[in-house]
Amino acid sequence: MSRPELITQLKKKNPKLNQYEIEAIIENFCDSIQKGLKDGKKIEFRGFGTFFVKKINEKYNARNPKTGELIYVPEKNKVRFKASKNLKKKINE
C-alpha cells in the first residue's frame, strides 16, 4: 500500500479530517518512529509487531560478488521488524 492509498483509506474512515491533517498525522507518526529508532529504542505495536535496530559488525574480508575483489564493509545499523503472533495468524488465514 502506498502513502496516497493510506491517506485515502484514512479519509474514508475519518471524514471529519481533511487531507492535510491526515498527512500531518502520518508525517508525525513516521518521524516519531524514526527518532525512536535513532535513539536505540524498540518501537512496539501490540498485535502488529516490533521495530528495532540491529548492529551489524564490520567485515574485513567480504568479497564483491561481481569482481571477486576483497572489500571492507563498515559497521552499520539495520532496522528490523518482527511480526506479532496475531499478525502472522491473520496473514496466514
Protein backbone atom coordinates (compact mmCIF):
# COMPACT_ATOMS: atom_id res chain seq x y z
CA MET A 1 0.00 0.00 0.00
CA SER A 2 1.36 3.39 -0.96
CA ARG A 3 1.13 6.57 1.06
CA PRO A 4 -1.67 8.11 -1.09
CA GLU A 5 -3.72 4.90 -0.75
CA LEU A 6 -3.27 5.01 3.02
CA ILE A 7 -4.40 8.65 3.10
CA THR A 8 -7.47 7.79 1.01
CA GLN A 9 -8.45 4.92 3.32
CA LEU A 10 -7.99 7.07 6.42
CA LYS A 11 -10.08 9.82 4.80
CA LYS A 12 -12.92 7.34 4.20
CA LYS A 13 -12.83 6.15 7.82
CA ASN A 14 -12.46 9.69 9.25
CA PRO A 15 -14.45 12.08 7.03
CA LYS A 16 -14.15 14.91 9.60
CA LEU A 17 -10.39 15.18 8.97
CA ASN A 18 -9.14 16.87 5.82
CA GLN A 19 -6.29 15.54 3.70
CA TYR A 20 -3.69 17.94 5.13
CA GLU A 21 -4.46 16.89 8.69
CA ILE A 22 -4.16 13.22 7.76
CA GLU A 23 -0.84 13.87 6.00
CA ALA A 24 0.43 15.73 9.08
CA ILE A 25 -0.59 12.81 11.32
CA ILE A 26 1.20 10.29 9.10
CA GLU A 27 4.31 12.51 8.89
CA ASN A 28 4.38 12.94 12.69
CA PHE A 29 3.90 9.18 13.17
CA CYS A 30 6.81 8.34 10.83
CA ASP A 31 9.07 10.98 12.38
CA SER A 32 8.37 9.63 15.87
CA ILE A 33 9.28 6.10 14.79
CA GLN A 34 12.48 7.31 13.11
CA LYS A 35 13.51 9.35 16.17
CA GLY A 36 12.86 6.41 18.49
CA LEU A 37 14.89 4.01 16.35
CA LYS A 38 17.70 6.53 16.04
CA ASP A 39 17.80 6.79 19.84
CA GLY A 40 18.13 2.98 20.03
CA LYS A 41 14.63 2.29 21.36
CA LYS A 42 12.31 -0.55 20.40
CA ILE A 43 9.03 0.52 18.80
CA GLU A 44 6.29 -1.95 19.74
CA PHE A 45 2.74 -2.02 18.38
CA ARG A 46 0.74 -4.64 20.27
CA GLY A 47 -0.96 -7.02 17.87
CA PHE A 48 1.14 -5.79 14.93
CA GLY A 49 4.85 -6.16 15.63
CA THR A 50 8.09 -4.59 16.80
CA PHE A 51 10.63 -2.41 15.01
CA PHE A 52 14.17 -2.48 16.39
CA VAL A 53 17.72 -1.60 15.38
CA LYS A 54 20.31 -4.33 14.97
CA LYS A 55 24.00 -3.53 14.89
CA ILE A 56 25.85 -5.22 12.02
CA ASN A 57 29.55 -5.74 12.74
CA GLU A 58 32.22 -4.62 10.33
CA LYS A 59 33.73 -7.16 7.94
CA TYR A 60 37.31 -7.02 6.81
CA ASN A 61 37.28 -9.78 4.24
CA ALA A 62 33.98 -9.54 2.35
CA ARG A 63 34.05 -10.08 -1.40
CA ASN A 64 32.48 -8.17 -4.24
CA PRO A 65 30.38 -10.88 -5.94
CA LYS A 66 30.84 -9.37 -9.40
CA THR A 67 34.63 -8.98 -9.41
CA GLY A 68 35.71 -11.24 -6.55
CA GLU A 69 37.73 -8.36 -5.11
CA LEU A 70 38.19 -8.12 -1.31
CA ILE A 71 36.34 -5.17 0.18
CA TYR A 72 35.91 -3.65 3.63
CA VAL A 73 32.33 -3.37 4.94
CA PRO A 74 31.98 -0.81 7.76
CA GLU A 75 29.87 -1.28 10.88
CA LYS A 76 26.25 -0.21 10.40
CA ASN A 77 22.80 -0.31 11.94
CA LYS A 78 19.85 -2.00 10.27
CA VAL A 79 16.17 -1.66 11.04
CA ARG A 80 14.46 -4.98 11.65
CA PHE A 81 10.80 -5.85 12.07
CA LYS A 82 9.40 -8.82 13.94
CA ALA A 83 5.73 -9.53 13.30
CA SER A 84 3.48 -10.37 16.23
CA LYS A 85 1.71 -13.70 16.54
CA ASN A 86 -1.63 -12.01 15.75
CA LEU A 87 -0.31 -10.50 12.51
CA LYS A 88 1.24 -13.80 11.41
CA LYS A 89 -2.02 -15.57 12.15
CA LYS A 90 -4.08 -13.04 10.14
CA ILE A 91 -1.72 -13.16 7.17
CA ASN A 92 -1.75 -16.97 7.05
CA GLU A 93 -5.55 -17.39 7.29
